[in-house]
Protein backbone atom coordinates (compact mmCIF):
# COMPACT_ATOMS: atom_id res chain seq x y z
CA MET A 1 32.43 3.73 20.61
CA PRO A 2 32.96 4.88 17.06
CA GLU A 3 34.04 1.26 16.14
CA LEU A 4 30.37 0.13 16.65
CA ILE A 5 28.82 2.18 14.21
CA PRO A 6 29.23 0.25 11.54
CA LEU A 7 27.51 -2.74 13.26
CA PHE A 8 24.59 -0.50 14.62
CA LEU A 9 24.11 1.07 11.10
CA PHE A 10 23.72 -2.57 9.53
CA LEU A 11 21.05 -3.53 12.22
CA HIS A 12 19.42 0.05 11.32
CA VAL A 13 19.61 -0.52 7.49
CA LEU A 14 18.87 -4.30 7.81
CA GLY A 15 15.78 -3.52 10.31
CA ALA A 16 14.32 -0.60 7.47
CA ILE A 17 14.69 -3.34 4.52
CA ILE A 18 12.44 -5.70 6.66
CA ALA A 19 10.32 -3.31 8.51
CA PHE A 20 9.28 -1.07 5.46
CA GLY A 21 9.76 -3.54 2.61
CA PRO A 22 5.84 -4.95 3.33
CA THR A 23 4.69 -0.98 3.23
CA PHE A 24 5.77 -1.24 -0.40
CA THR A 25 4.35 -4.97 -0.95
CA LEU A 26 1.25 -5.24 0.95
CA PRO A 27 -0.72 -2.70 -0.60
CA TYR A 28 -0.34 -4.45 -4.39
CA LEU A 29 -1.33 -8.00 -2.89
CA SER A 30 -4.49 -6.26 -0.71
CA THR A 31 -5.67 -4.75 -4.21
CA ARG A 32 -5.05 -8.35 -5.91
CA ALA A 33 -7.17 -9.83 -3.12
CA GLY A 34 -9.82 -7.02 -3.55
CA ARG A 35 -10.13 -8.49 -7.07
CA GLU A 36 -10.86 -12.00 -5.48
CA PRO A 37 -13.36 -11.42 -2.92
CA GLN A 38 -12.89 -15.09 -1.15
CA HIS A 39 -9.10 -14.29 -0.63
CA ALA A 40 -9.67 -10.84 1.11
CA ASN A 41 -10.23 -11.71 4.36
CA PHE A 42 -6.98 -14.32 4.57
CA MET A 43 -5.01 -11.38 2.84
CA THR A 44 -6.54 -8.94 5.37
CA ARG A 45 -5.61 -11.32 8.22
CA SER A 46 -1.92 -11.93 7.15
CA ALA A 47 -1.34 -8.46 6.56
CA VAL A 48 -2.49 -7.92 9.90
CA ALA A 49 -0.39 -10.74 11.44
CA VAL A 50 2.44 -9.67 9.34
CA SER A 51 1.90 -5.86 10.60
CA ARG A 52 1.69 -7.26 14.59
CA ALA A 53 4.73 -9.87 14.61
CA ILE A 54 7.37 -8.33 12.07
CA ILE A 55 6.63 -4.90 11.06
CA ILE A 56 6.02 -3.11 14.05
CA PRO A 57 8.67 -4.90 16.01
CA VAL A 58 11.03 -4.49 13.91
CA ALA A 59 10.30 -0.84 13.19
CA LEU A 60 10.68 -0.48 16.97
CA SER A 61 13.75 -1.80 17.05
CA MET A 62 15.04 0.87 14.71
CA ALA A 63 14.80 3.63 17.33
CA VAL A 64 17.07 1.67 19.50
CA THR A 65 19.48 1.49 16.78
CA GLY A 66 19.11 4.71 15.70
CA VAL A 67 19.49 6.24 18.96
CA LEU A 68 22.61 3.76 19.41
CA ILE A 69 24.30 5.31 16.05
CA ILE A 70 23.73 9.13 17.12
CA TRP A 71 25.07 7.98 21.06
CA SER A 72 27.93 6.24 18.94
CA ALA A 73 28.96 8.88 17.02
CA GLY A 74 28.14 11.73 19.33
CA ILE A 75 25.57 13.38 17.22
CA ASP A 76 23.56 16.30 18.53
CA PRO A 77 20.41 15.81 16.35
CA LEU A 78 19.04 19.43 17.73
CA ALA A 79 22.26 21.16 16.01
CA VAL A 80 22.09 23.05 12.63
CA ASP A 81 23.84 20.65 10.97
CA TYR A 82 21.53 17.59 11.86
CA ARG A 83 18.03 19.04 10.94
CA TRP A 84 17.71 16.43 7.92
CA LEU A 85 17.66 13.83 10.94
CA LEU A 86 15.84 15.50 12.98
CA LEU A 87 12.84 15.98 10.42
CA ALA A 88 13.51 12.23 9.58
CA ILE A 89 13.21 11.26 13.36
CA VAL A 90 10.06 13.22 13.04
CA MET A 91 8.52 11.66 10.40
CA TYR A 92 9.54 7.97 11.89
CA ILE A 93 7.74 8.81 15.16
CA ILE A 94 4.57 10.42 12.73
CA ALA A 95 4.74 6.72 10.98
CA ILE A 96 4.78 4.56 13.81
CA GLY A 97 1.96 6.07 15.07
CA PHE A 98 0.23 6.09 12.15
CA SER A 99 0.84 2.71 11.84
CA ILE A 100 0.01 1.58 15.29
CA LEU A 101 -2.94 3.64 16.19
CA ILE A 102 -4.64 4.20 12.77
CA GLN A 103 -3.87 1.02 10.00
CA LEU A 104 -3.51 -1.58 12.69
CA PRO A 105 -7.09 -1.44 14.12
CA ASN A 106 -8.57 -0.50 10.66
CA GLY A 107 -6.97 -3.47 9.57
CA GLN A 108 -8.10 -5.66 12.45
CA ARG A 109 -12.27 -4.33 11.66
CA ILE A 110 -11.66 -5.14 7.98
CA VAL A 111 -10.80 -8.37 9.06
CA GLU A 112 -14.04 -8.78 11.25
CA LEU A 113 -15.95 -7.37 8.74
CA THR A 114 -14.73 -10.02 6.15
CA SER A 115 -14.88 -12.84 8.12
CA THR A 116 -18.66 -13.80 8.02
CA PRO A 117 -19.99 -13.96 4.59
CA PRO A 118 -23.14 -12.27 3.11
CA PRO A 119 -26.22 -14.54 3.77
CA PRO A 120 -27.41 -16.35 1.19
CA GLY A 121 -29.73 -14.47 -1.21
CA ALA A 122 -27.82 -11.36 -0.16
CA THR A 123 -27.47 -8.65 -2.81
CA GLY A 124 -25.95 -5.24 -2.92
CA GLY A 125 -22.29 -5.47 -2.79
CA PRO A 126 -19.89 -4.90 0.35
CA PRO A 127 -21.35 -2.93 3.22
CA PRO A 128 -20.16 0.60 2.92
CA GLU A 129 -18.34 0.51 6.30
CA LEU A 130 -16.26 -2.24 4.72
CA LEU A 131 -15.50 0.24 1.83
CA ALA A 132 -14.73 3.20 3.83
CA ARG A 133 -12.32 1.17 6.13
CA ILE A 134 -10.72 -0.22 2.92
CA ARG A 135 -10.19 3.25 0.99
CA ARG A 136 -8.82 4.72 3.97
CA ALA A 137 -6.38 1.65 4.43
CA LYS A 138 -5.21 2.49 0.96
CA LEU A 139 -4.42 5.99 1.67
CA GLY A 140 -3.02 5.45 4.77
CA SER A 141 -0.42 3.20 2.88
CA TYR A 142 0.58 5.53 0.62
CA LEU A 143 0.99 7.98 3.32
CA LEU A 144 3.18 5.59 5.29
CA MET A 145 5.28 5.00 1.66
CA ALA A 146 5.71 8.45 0.90
CA LEU A 147 7.00 8.92 4.44
CA VAL A 148 9.50 5.96 3.95
CA VAL A 149 10.57 7.17 0.87
CA LEU A 150 11.10 10.78 2.70
CA ILE A 151 13.19 9.38 5.15
CA ALA A 152 15.38 7.12 3.42
CA PHE A 153 15.98 10.46 1.19
CA LEU A 154 17.01 12.23 4.02
CA MET A 155 19.21 9.70 5.00
CA VAL A 156 21.08 9.31 2.48
CA THR A 157 21.37 12.78 0.83
CA LYS A 158 21.78 14.45 4.40
CA PRO A 159 20.56 17.84 2.93
CA GLN A 160 21.21 20.96 4.70
CA PHE A 161 18.43 23.69 5.49
CA GLY A 162 19.99 26.92 5.13
CA ILE A 163 17.22 28.17 7.81
């Protein structure tokens, strides 16, 4: 069904834009919210909600459109000429797994830790667990950004690995 490749490709690229665009904007917004602690919980709740309702479902739909493209084009991702595709698929699986298993629960815990304001007269700044989780979330965001950039590079350039 080669005639469907443009449709599947359109849906795949549109999915990438919708799913991975926030990967680059949410860390920026979260940093800004961190400068105004009274808004940090709202921003974190929003980021978790966007991840659950949009990013993860649309990113998972890309597996379907990707398989449809591969099937329609008669591509064997295990063939030597398609090592770039196999590498991109592996990175996609890592990114999705990391998002669902690490980032999302970490974000939910940050929401829990920031849902109750400190008691009156409390001093000493945020709890150490909150600071550690925020640090992990930032590092995780950088990892996801790097994976998205590498996947996009592979999908666009289709480099040939002479191995």
